[in-house]
């Protein structure tokens, strides 16, 4: 690491050293952020994959629940229409 140069109140660092400092700072910041949320160590990648899998399952369950609700409502409406038609036409049982 070369000593920084001072020019008129500003500090000058070579581009390569500045990029290296940024990379180290970003890496350390990412490690701290992951540690803050409990995703540190060797099992962090497995934990993140498990969380993504869990989110996929939740989305699938939500989509299936909506589809099931739509099917139940549709079936109920069709049965109500059939029952109304049967009653209106008096197909079953002798009416007056």
PDB file of N, CA and C in Angstrom:
ATOM      1  N   UNK A   1       0.852  -1.174   0.000  1.00  0.00           N
ATOM      2  CA  UNK A   1       0.000   0.000   0.000  1.00  0.00           C
ATOM      3  C   UNK A   1       0.892   1.229   0.000  1.00  0.00           C
ATOM      4  N   UNK A   2       0.691   2.076  -0.946  1.00  0.00           N
ATOM      5  CA  UNK A   2       1.518   3.278  -1.033  1.00  0.00           C
ATOM      6  C   UNK A   2       0.908   4.379  -0.177  1.00  0.00           C
ATOM      7  N   UNK A   3       1.737   5.292   0.310  1.00  0.00           N
ATOM      8  CA  UNK A   3       1.194   6.377   1.148  1.00  0.00           C
ATOM      9  C   UNK A   3       0.305   7.290   0.321  1.00  0.00           C
ATOM     10  N   UNK A   4      -0.785   7.771   0.916  1.00  0.00           N
ATOM     11  CA  UNK A   4      -1.686   8.662   0.186  1.00  0.00           C
ATOM     12  C   UNK A   4      -1.020  10.004  -0.093  1.00  0.00           C
ATOM     13  N   UNK A   5      -1.389  10.611  -1.172  1.00  0.00           N
ATOM     14  CA  UNK A   5      -0.874  11.916  -1.548  1.00  0.00           C
ATOM     15  C   UNK A   5      -1.874  12.979  -1.137  1.00  0.00           C
ATOM     16  N   UNK A   6      -1.364  14.074  -0.607  1.00  0.00           N
ATOM     17  CA  UNK A   6      -2.247  15.178  -0.216  1.00  0.00           C
ATOM     18  C   UNK A   6      -2.101  16.309  -1.232  1.00  0.00           C
ATOM     19  N   UNK A   7      -3.239  16.738  -1.738  1.00  0.00           N
ATOM     20  CA  UNK A   7      -3.253  17.866  -2.670  1.00  0.00           C
ATOM     21  C   UNK A   7      -4.347  18.827  -2.236  1.00  0.00           C
ATOM     22  N   UNK A   8      -3.999  19.966  -1.899  1.00  0.00           N
ATOM     23  CA  UNK A   8      -4.913  21.063  -1.543  1.00  0.00           C
ATOM     24  C   UNK A   8      -6.065  20.598  -0.661  1.00  0.00           C
ATOM     25  N   UNK A   9      -5.751  19.947   0.426  1.00  0.00           N
ATOM     26  CA  UNK A   9      -6.764  19.562   1.396  1.00  0.00           C
ATOM     27  C   UNK A   9      -7.525  18.294   1.059  1.00  0.00           C
ATOM     28  N   UNK A  10      -7.202  17.644  -0.046  1.00  0.00           N
ATOM     29  CA  UNK A  10      -7.867  16.394  -0.393  1.00  0.00           C
ATOM     30  C   UNK A  10      -6.866  15.249  -0.327  1.00  0.00           C
ATOM     31  N   UNK A  11      -7.374  14.081  -0.090  1.00  0.00           N
ATOM     32  CA  UNK A  11      -6.544  12.888   0.015  1.00  0.00           C
ATOM     33  C   UNK A  11      -6.662  12.104  -1.271  1.00  0.00           C
ATOM     34  N   UNK A  12      -5.534  11.775  -1.889  1.00  0.00           N
ATOM     35  CA  UNK A  12      -5.533  11.046  -3.147  1.00  0.00           C
ATOM     36  C   UNK A  12      -5.015   9.637  -2.905  1.00  0.00           C
ATOM     37  N   UNK A  13      -5.795   8.640  -3.320  1.00  0.00           N
ATOM     38  CA  UNK A  13      -5.420   7.234  -3.200  1.00  0.00           C
ATOM     39  C   UNK A  13      -5.425   6.659  -4.613  1.00  0.00           C
ATOM     40  N   UNK A  14      -4.470   5.826  -4.947  1.00  0.00           N
ATOM     41  CA  UNK A  14      -4.494   5.198  -6.276  1.00  0.00           C
ATOM     42  C   UNK A  14      -5.781   4.397  -6.475  1.00  0.00           C
ATOM     43  N   UNK A  15      -6.232   4.357  -7.715  1.00  0.00           N
ATOM     44  CA  UNK A  15      -7.503   3.712  -8.060  1.00  0.00           C
ATOM     45  C   UNK A  15      -7.559   2.259  -7.609  1.00  0.00           C
ATOM     46  N   UNK A  16      -6.492   1.515  -7.817  1.00  0.00           N
ATOM     47  CA  UNK A  16      -6.474   0.093  -7.452  1.00  0.00           C
ATOM     48  C   UNK A  16      -6.649  -0.092  -5.950  1.00  0.00           C
ATOM     49  N   UNK A  17      -5.978   0.743  -5.161  1.00  0.00           N
ATOM     50  CA  UNK A  17      -6.115   0.644  -3.707  1.00  0.00           C
ATOM     51  C   UNK A  17      -7.511   1.041  -3.259  1.00  0.00           C
ATOM     52  N   UNK A  18      -8.075   2.057  -3.914  1.00  0.00           N
ATOM     53  CA  UNK A  18      -9.425   2.489  -3.570  1.00  0.00           C
ATOM     54  C   UNK A  18     -10.432   1.374  -3.861  1.00  0.00           C
ATOM     55  N   UNK A  19     -10.292   0.711  -5.007  1.00  0.00           N
ATOM     56  CA  UNK A  19     -11.179  -0.397  -5.357  1.00  0.00           C
ATOM     57  C   UNK A  19     -11.031  -1.544  -4.364  1.00  0.00           C
ATOM     58  N   UNK A  20      -9.802  -1.834  -3.943  1.00  0.00           N
ATOM     59  CA  UNK A  20      -9.575  -2.902  -2.966  1.00  0.00           C
ATOM     60  C   UNK A  20     -10.223  -2.551  -1.630  1.00  0.00           C
ATOM     61  N   UNK A  21     -10.112  -1.289  -1.207  1.00  0.00           N
ATOM     62  CA  UNK A  21     -10.745  -0.862   0.047  1.00  0.00           C
ATOM     63  C   UNK A  21     -12.262  -0.983  -0.050  1.00  0.00           C
ATOM     64  N   UNK A  22     -12.823  -0.580  -1.182  1.00  0.00           N
ATOM     65  CA  UNK A  22     -14.276  -0.694  -1.378  1.00  0.00           C
ATOM     66  C   UNK A  22     -14.726  -2.143  -1.329  1.00  0.00           C
ATOM     67  N   UNK A  23     -13.967  -3.029  -1.966  1.00  0.00           N
ATOM     68  CA  UNK A  23     -14.327  -4.446  -1.980  1.00  0.00           C
ATOM     69  C   UNK A  23     -14.286  -5.025  -0.561  1.00  0.00           C
ATOM     70  N   UNK A  24     -13.258  -4.691   0.204  1.00  0.00           N
ATOM     71  CA  UNK A  24     -13.168  -5.186   1.588  1.00  0.00           C
ATOM     72  C   UNK A  24     -14.303  -4.638   2.440  1.00  0.00           C
ATOM     73  N   UNK A  25     -14.619  -3.349   2.259  1.00  0.00           N
ATOM     74  CA  UNK A  25     -15.706  -2.743   3.036  1.00  0.00           C
ATOM     75  C   UNK A  25     -17.050  -3.370   2.688  1.00  0.00           C
ATOM     76  N   UNK A  26     -17.272  -3.624   1.406  1.00  0.00           N
ATOM     77  CA  UNK A  26     -18.534  -4.241   0.980  1.00  0.00           C
ATOM     78  C   UNK A  26     -18.655  -5.654   1.530  1.00  0.00           C
ATOM     79  N   UNK A  27     -17.566  -6.393   1.475  1.00  0.00           N
ATOM     80  CA  UNK A  27     -17.585  -7.769   1.985  1.00  0.00           C
ATOM     81  C   UNK A  27     -17.845  -7.792   3.486  1.00  0.00           C
ATOM     82  N   UNK A  28     -17.181  -6.902   4.214  1.00  0.00           N
ATOM     83  CA  UNK A  28     -17.386  -6.842   5.665  1.00  0.00           C
ATOM     84  C   UNK A  28     -18.812  -6.401   6.002  1.00  0.00           C
ATOM     85  N   UNK A  29     -19.341  -5.454   5.229  1.00  0.00           N
ATOM     86  CA  UNK A  29     -20.720  -5.006   5.443  1.00  0.00           C
ATOM     87  C   UNK A  29     -21.717  -6.121   5.180  1.00  0.00           C
ATOM     88  N   UNK A  30     -21.479  -6.899   4.138  1.00  0.00           N
ATOM     89  CA  UNK A  30     -22.373  -8.016   3.834  1.00  0.00           C
ATOM     90  C   UNK A  30     -22.320  -9.064   4.941  1.00  0.00           C
ATOM     91  N   UNK A  31     -21.127  -9.341   5.429  1.00  0.00           N
ATOM     92  CA  UNK A  31     -21.009 -10.307   6.536  1.00  0.00           C
ATOM     93  C   UNK A  31     -21.754  -9.832   7.772  1.00  0.00           C
ATOM     94  N   UNK A  32     -21.611  -8.550   8.097  1.00  0.00           N
ATOM     95  CA  UNK A  32     -22.318  -8.006   9.275  1.00  0.00           C
ATOM     96  C   UNK A  32     -23.827  -8.060   9.091  1.00  0.00           C
ATOM     97  N   UNK A  33     -24.285  -7.713   7.891  1.00  0.00           N
ATOM     98  CA  UNK A  33     -25.729  -7.738   7.631  1.00  0.00           C
ATOM     99  C   UNK A  33     -26.277  -9.150   7.761  1.00  0.00           C
ATOM    100  N   UNK A  34     -25.570 -10.130   7.203  1.00  0.00           N
ATOM    101  CA  UNK A  34     -26.018 -11.518   7.323  1.00  0.00           C
ATOM    102  C   UNK A  34     -25.974 -11.989   8.771  1.00  0.00           C
ATOM    103  N   UNK A  35     -24.954 -11.584   9.504  1.00  0.00           N
ATOM    104  CA  UNK A  35     -24.854 -11.963  10.924  1.00  0.00           C
ATOM    105  C   UNK A  35     -25.992 -11.337  11.727  1.00  0.00           C
ATOM    106  N   UNK A  36     -26.380 -10.114  11.373  1.00  0.00           N
ATOM    107  CA  UNK A  36     -27.472  -9.446  12.092  1.00  0.00           C
ATOM    108  C   UNK A  36     -28.796 -10.178  11.946  1.00  0.00           C
ATOM    109  N   UNK A  37     -29.017 -10.817  10.801  1.00  0.00           N
ATOM    110  CA  UNK A  37     -30.272 -11.546  10.602  1.00  0.00           C
ATOM    111  C   UNK A  37     -30.124 -13.032  10.885  1.00  0.00           C
ATOM    112  N   UNK A  38     -28.948 -13.439  11.367  1.00  0.00           N
ATOM    113  CA  UNK A  38     -28.752 -14.825  11.777  1.00  0.00           C
ATOM    114  C   UNK A  38     -28.357 -15.765  10.661  1.00  0.00           C
ATOM    115  N   UNK A  39     -27.864 -15.245   9.566  1.00  0.00           N
ATOM    116  CA  UNK A  39     -27.459 -16.080   8.438  1.00  0.00           C
ATOM    117  C   UNK A  39     -25.943 -16.026   8.281  1.00  0.00           C
ATOM    118  N   UNK A  40     -25.254 -16.579   9.266  1.00  0.00           N
ATOM    119  CA  UNK A  40     -23.800 -16.541   9.219  1.00  0.00           C
ATOM    120  C   UNK A  40     -23.251 -17.963   9.289  1.00  0.00           C
ATOM    121  N   UNK A  41     -22.040 -18.114   8.911  1.00  0.00           N
ATOM    122  CA  UNK A  41     -21.388 -19.406   9.036  1.00  0.00           C
ATOM    123  C   UNK A  41     -21.554 -20.274   7.808  1.00  0.00           C
ATOM    124  N   UNK A  42     -21.222 -21.551   7.995  1.00  0.00           N
ATOM    125  CA  UNK A  42     -21.201 -22.497   6.877  1.00  0.00           C
ATOM    126  C   UNK A  42     -22.591 -22.883   6.395  1.00  0.00           C
ATOM    127  N   UNK A  43     -23.575 -22.784   7.266  1.00  0.00           N
ATOM    128  CA  UNK A  43     -24.925 -23.220   6.888  1.00  0.00           C
ATOM    129  C   UNK A  43     -25.778 -22.087   6.314  1.00  0.00           C
ATOM    130  N   UNK A  44     -25.189 -20.921   6.103  1.00  0.00           N
ATOM    131  CA  UNK A  44     -25.961 -19.773   5.617  1.00  0.00           C
ATOM    132  C   UNK A  44     -26.568 -20.055   4.249  1.00  0.00           C
ATOM    133  N   UNK A  45     -25.804 -20.648   3.343  1.00  0.00           N
ATOM    134  CA  UNK A  45     -26.332 -20.931   2.001  1.00  0.00           C
ATOM    135  C   UNK A  45     -27.488 -21.921   2.075  1.00  0.00           C
ATOM    136  N   UNK A  46     -27.359 -22.931   2.927  1.00  0.00           N
ATOM    137  CA  UNK A  46     -28.442 -23.904   3.091  1.00  0.00           C
ATOM    138  C   UNK A  46     -29.676 -23.240   3.692  1.00  0.00           C
ATOM    139  N   UNK A  47     -29.466 -22.348   4.661  1.00  0.00           N
ATOM    140  CA  UNK A  47     -30.592 -21.633   5.267  1.00  0.00           C
ATOM    141  C   UNK A  47     -31.321 -20.784   4.243  1.00  0.00           C
ATOM    142  N   UNK A  48     -30.583 -20.103   3.381  1.00  0.00           N
ATOM    143  CA  UNK A  48     -31.217 -19.259   2.365  1.00  0.00           C
ATOM    144  C   UNK A  48     -31.982 -20.113   1.364  1.00  0.00           C
ATOM    145  N   UNK A  49     -31.406 -21.259   0.975  1.00  0.00           N
ATOM    146  CA  UNK A  49     -32.138 -22.164   0.067  1.00  0.00           C
ATOM    147  C   UNK A  49     -33.417 -22.672   0.728  1.00  0.00           C
ATOM    148  N   UNK A  50     -33.344 -22.991   2.026  1.00  0.00           N
ATOM    149  CA  UNK A  50     -34.537 -23.446   2.741  1.00  0.00           C
ATOM    150  C   UNK A  50     -35.592 -22.347   2.806  1.00  0.00           C
ATOM    151  N   UNK A  51     -35.167 -21.117   3.046  1.00  0.00           N
ATOM    152  CA  UNK A  51     -36.119 -20.007   3.090  1.00  0.00           C
ATOM    153  C   UNK A  51     -36.781 -19.792   1.730  1.00  0.00           C
ATOM    154  N   UNK A  52     -35.999 -19.880   0.655  1.00  0.00           N
ATOM    155  CA  UNK A  52     -36.586 -19.739  -0.683  1.00  0.00           C
ATOM    156  C   UNK A  52     -37.563 -20.864  -0.973  1.00  0.00           C
ATOM    157  N   UNK A  53     -37.217 -22.073  -0.550  1.00  0.00           N
ATOM    158  CA  UNK A  53     -38.110 -23.206  -0.750  1.00  0.00           C
ATOM    159  C   UNK A  53     -39.409 -23.010   0.034  1.00  0.00           C
ATOM    160  N   UNK A  54     -39.284 -22.516   1.261  1.00  0.00           N
ATOM    161  CA  UNK A  54     -40.467 -22.249   2.073  1.00  0.00           C
ATOM    162  C   UNK A  54     -41.352 -21.197   1.427  1.00  0.00           C
ATOM    163  N   UNK A  55     -40.756 -20.148   0.885  1.00  0.00           N
ATOM    164  CA  UNK A  55     -41.539 -19.119   0.200  1.00  0.00           C
ATOM    165  C   UNK A  55     -42.237 -19.676  -1.035  1.00  0.00           C
ATOM    166  N   UNK A  56     -41.552 -20.546  -1.778  1.00  0.00           N
ATOM    167  CA  UNK A  56     -42.190 -21.178  -2.933  1.00  0.00           C
ATOM    168  C   UNK A  56     -43.386 -22.016  -2.501  1.00  0.00           C
ATOM    169  N   UNK A  57     -43.244 -22.741  -1.391  1.00  0.00           N
ATOM    170  CA  UNK A  57     -44.349 -23.562  -0.885  1.00  0.00           C
ATOM    171  C   UNK A  57     -45.525 -22.695  -0.454  1.00  0.00           C
ATOM    172  N   UNK A  58     -45.236 -21.586   0.202  1.00  0.00           N
ATOM    173  CA  UNK A  58     -46.306 -20.682   0.634  1.00  0.00           C
ATOM    174  C   UNK A  58     -47.046 -20.131  -0.576  1.00  0.00           C
ATOM    175  N   UNK A  59     -46.315 -19.745  -1.611  1.00  0.00           N
ATOM    176  CA  UNK A  59     -46.958 -19.240  -2.833  1.00  0.00           C
ATOM    177  C   UNK A  59     -47.823 -20.314  -3.479  1.00  0.00           C
ATOM    178  N   UNK A  60     -47.324 -21.556  -3.501  1.00  0.00           N
ATOM    179  CA  UNK A  60     -48.082 -22.660  -4.083  1.00  0.00           C
ATOM    180  C   UNK A  60     -49.365 -22.908  -3.291  1.00  0.00           C
ATOM    181  N   UNK A  61     -49.272 -22.913  -1.966  1.00  0.00           N
ATOM    182  CA  UNK A  61     -50.454 -23.137  -1.118  1.00  0.00           C
ATOM    183  C   UNK A  61     -51.468 -22.020  -1.319  1.00  0.00           C
ATOM    184  N   UNK A  62     -50.993 -20.789  -1.389  1.00  0.00           N
ATOM    185  CA  UNK A  62     -51.901 -19.655  -1.586  1.00  0.00           C
ATOM    186  C   UNK A  62     -52.619 -19.782  -2.927  1.00  0.00           C
ATOM    187  N   UNK A  63     -51.869 -20.116  -3.984  1.00  0.00           N
ATOM    188  CA  UNK A  63     -52.472 -20.259  -5.318  1.00  0.00           C
ATOM    189  C   UNK A  63     -53.487 -21.404  -5.328  1.00  0.00           C
ATOM    190  N   UNK A  64     -53.145 -22.527  -4.681  1.00  0.00           N
ATOM    191  CA  UNK A  64     -54.051 -23.664  -4.626  1.00  0.00           C
ATOM    192  C   UNK A  64     -55.307 -23.332  -3.826  1.00  0.00           C
ATOM    193  N   UNK A  65     -55.157 -22.598  -2.744  1.00  0.00           N
ATOM    194  CA  UNK A  65     -56.321 -22.216  -1.938  1.00  0.00           C
ATOM    195  C   UNK A  65     -57.267 -21.323  -2.733  1.00  0.00           C
ATOM    196  N   UNK A  66     -56.724 -20.400  -3.490  1.00  0.00           N
ATOM    197  CA  UNK A  66     -57.568 -19.523  -4.312  1.00  0.00           C
ATOM    198  C   UNK A  66     -58.283 -20.342  -5.380  1.00  0.00           C
ATOM    199  N   UNK A  67     -57.566 -21.245  -6.023  1.00  0.00           N
ATOM    200  CA  UNK A  67     -58.196 -22.083  -7.049  1.00  0.00           C
ATOM    201  C   UNK A  67     -59.291 -22.956  -6.452  1.00  0.00           C
ATOM    202  N   UNK A  68     -59.045 -23.520  -5.284  1.00  0.00           N
ATOM    203  CA  UNK A  68     -60.050 -24.360  -4.634  1.00  0.00           C
ATOM    204  C   UNK A  68     -61.282 -23.544  -4.270  1.00  0.00           C
ATOM    205  N   UNK A  69     -61.084 -22.336  -3.765  1.00  0.00           N
ATOM    206  CA  UNK A  69     -62.213 -21.476  -3.422  1.00  0.00           C
ATOM    207  C   UNK A  69     -63.039 -21.142  -4.663  1.00  0.00           C
ATOM    208  N   UNK A  70     -62.380 -20.834  -5.750  1.00  0.00           N
ATOM    209  CA  UNK A  70     -63.098 -20.530  -6.996  1.00  0.00           C
ATOM    210  C   UNK A  70     -63.874 -21.754  -7.467  1.00  0.00           C
ATOM    211  N   UNK A  71     -63.268 -22.930  -7.387  1.00  0.00           N
ATOM    212  CA  UNK A  71     -63.967 -24.151  -7.801  1.00  0.00           C
ATOM    213  C   UNK A  71     -65.184 -24.415  -6.915  1.00  0.00           C
ATOM    214  N   UNK A  72     -65.061 -24.224  -5.616  1.00  0.00           N
ATOM    215  CA  UNK A  72     -66.192 -24.447  -4.709  1.00  0.00           C
ATOM    216  C   UNK A  72     -67.333 -23.469  -4.990  1.00  0.00           C
ATOM    217  N   UNK A  73     -66.985 -22.208  -5.195  1.00  0.00           N
ATOM    218  CA  UNK A  73     -68.025 -21.210  -5.482  1.00  0.00           C
ATOM    219  C   UNK A  73     -68.709 -21.527  -6.801  1.00  0.00           C
ATOM    220  N   UNK A  74     -67.939 -21.881  -7.808  1.00  0.00           N
ATOM    221  CA  UNK A  74     -68.514 -22.223  -9.113  1.00  0.00           C
ATOM    222  C   UNK A  74     -69.418 -23.446  -9.013  1.00  0.00           C
ATOM    223  N   UNK A  75     -68.961 -24.476  -8.316  1.00  0.00           N
ATOM    224  CA  UNK A  75     -69.772 -25.688  -8.143  1.00  0.00           C
ATOM    225  C   UNK A  75     -71.053 -25.371  -7.385  1.00  0.00           C
ATOM    226  N   UNK A  76     -70.954 -24.538  -6.358  1.00  0.00           N
ATOM    227  CA  UNK A  76     -72.140 -24.152  -5.594  1.00  0.00           C
ATOM    228  C   UNK A  76     -73.151 -23.407  -6.450  1.00  0.00           C
ATOM    229  N   UNK A  77     -72.667 -22.498  -7.287  1.00  0.00           N
ATOM    230  CA  UNK A  77     -73.579 -21.757  -8.159  1.00  0.00           C
ATOM    231  C   UNK A  77     -74.252 -22.671  -9.180  1.00  0.00           C
ATOM    232  N   UNK A  78     -73.500 -23.589  -9.741  1.00  0.00           N
ATOM    233  CA  UNK A  78     -74.084 -24.522 -10.715  1.00  0.00           C
ATOM    234  C   UNK A  78     -75.128 -25.407 -10.041  1.00  0.00           C
ATOM    235  N   UNK A  79     -74.830 -25.903  -8.824  1.00  0.00           N
ATOM    236  CA  UNK A  79     -75.810 -26.721  -8.100  1.00  0.00           C
ATOM    237  C   UNK A  79     -77.059 -25.919  -7.747  1.00  0.00           C
ATOM    238  N   UNK A  80     -76.884 -24.656  -7.382  1.00  0.00           N
ATOM    239  CA  UNK A  80     -78.040 -23.814  -7.072  1.00  0.00           C
ATOM    240  C   UNK A  80     -78.891 -23.594  -8.327  1.00  0.00           C
ATOM    241  N   UNK A  81     -78.253 -23.379  -9.453  1.00  0.00           N
ATOM    242  CA  UNK A  81     -78.998 -23.210 -10.703  1.00  0.00           C
ATOM    243  C   UNK A  81     -79.746 -24.489 -11.076  1.00  0.00           C
ATOM    244  N   UNK A  82     -79.092 -25.638 -10.914  1.00  0.00           N
ATOM    245  CA  UNK A  82     -79.763 -26.911 -11.199  1.00  0.00           C
ATOM    246  C   UNK A  82     -80.941 -27.143 -10.265  1.00  0.00           C
ATOM    247  N   UNK A  83     -80.740 -26.856  -8.986  1.00  0.00           N
ATOM    248  CA  UNK A  83     -81.840 -27.032  -8.023  1.00  0.00           C
ATOM    249  C   UNK A  83     -82.992 -26.102  -8.367  1.00  0.00           C
ATOM    250  N   UNK A  84     -82.697 -24.877  -8.740  1.00  0.00           N
ATOM    251  CA  UNK A  84     -83.748 -23.934  -9.132  1.00  0.00           C
ATOM    252  C   UNK A  84     -84.484 -24.398 -10.367  1.00  0.00           C
ATOM    253  N   UNK A  85     -83.748 -24.942 -11.314  1.00  0.00           N
ATOM    254  CA  UNK A  85     -84.367 -25.445 -12.536  1.00  0.00           C
ATOM    255  C   UNK A  85     -85.271 -26.631 -12.234  1.00  0.00           C
ATOM    256  N   UNK A  86     -84.796 -27.547 -11.388  1.00  0.00           N
ATOM    257  CA  UNK A  86     -85.588 -28.726 -11.030  1.00  0.00           C
ATOM    258  C   UNK A  86     -86.857 -28.297 -10.309  1.00  0.00           C
ATOM    259  N   UNK A  87     -86.746 -27.367  -9.407  1.00  0.00           N
ATOM    260  CA  UNK A  87     -87.936 -26.909  -8.667  1.00  0.00           C
ATOM    261  C   UNK A  87     -88.891 -26.183  -9.619  1.00  0.00           C
ATOM    262  N   UNK A  88     -88.353 -25.362 -10.500  1.00  0.00           N
ATOM    263  CA  UNK A  88     -89.196 -24.594 -11.413  1.00  0.00           C
ATOM    264  C   UNK A  88     -89.938 -25.516 -12.386  1.00  0.00           C
ATOM    265  N   UNK A  89     -89.274 -26.534 -12.879  1.00  0.00           N
ATOM    266  CA  UNK A  89     -89.907 -27.421 -13.849  1.00  0.00           C
ATOM    267  C   UNK A  89     -90.650 -28.574 -13.181  1.00  0.00           C
ATOM    268  N   UNK A  90     -90.551 -28.689 -11.891  1.00  0.00           N
ATOM    269  CA  UNK A  90     -91.227 -29.738 -11.118  1.00  0.00           C
ATOM    270  C   UNK A  90     -90.967 -31.116 -11.717  1.00  0.00           C
ATOM    271  N   UNK A  91     -89.696 -31.394 -11.915  1.00  0.00           N
ATOM    272  CA  UNK A  91     -89.322 -32.668 -12.525  1.00  0.00           C
ATOM    273  C   UNK A  91     -89.493 -33.828 -11.552  1.00  0.00           C
ATOM    274  N   UNK A  92     -89.298 -33.585 -10.284  1.00  0.00           N
ATOM    275  CA  UNK A  92     -89.405 -34.677  -9.302  1.00  0.00           C
ATOM    276  C   UNK A  92     -90.608 -34.434  -8.420  1.00  0.00           C
ATOM    277  N   UNK A  93     -91.343 -35.467  -8.216  1.00  0.00           N
ATOM    278  CA  UNK A  93     -92.508 -35.384  -7.330  1.00  0.00           C
ATOM    279  C   UNK A  93     -93.704 -34.782  -8.036  1.00  0.00           C
ATOM    280  N   UNK A  94     -94.834 -35.191  -7.601  1.00  0.00           N
ATOM    281  CA  UNK A  94     -96.066 -34.686  -8.215  1.00  0.00           C
ATOM    282  C   UNK A  94     -96.497 -33.406  -7.547  1.00  0.00           C
ATOM    283  N   UNK A  95     -96.644 -32.418  -8.295  1.00  0.00           N
ATOM    284  CA  UNK A  95     -97.081 -31.145  -7.769  1.00  0.00           C
ATOM    285  C   UNK A  95     -98.553 -30.940  -8.011  1.00  0.00           C
ATOM    286  N   UNK A  96     -99.173 -29.969  -7.381  1.00  0.00           N
ATOM    287  CA  UNK A  96    -100.603 -29.710  -7.580  1.00  0.00           C
ATOM    288  C   UNK A  96    -100.979 -29.155  -8.909  1.00  0.00           C
TER     289      UNK A  96
END
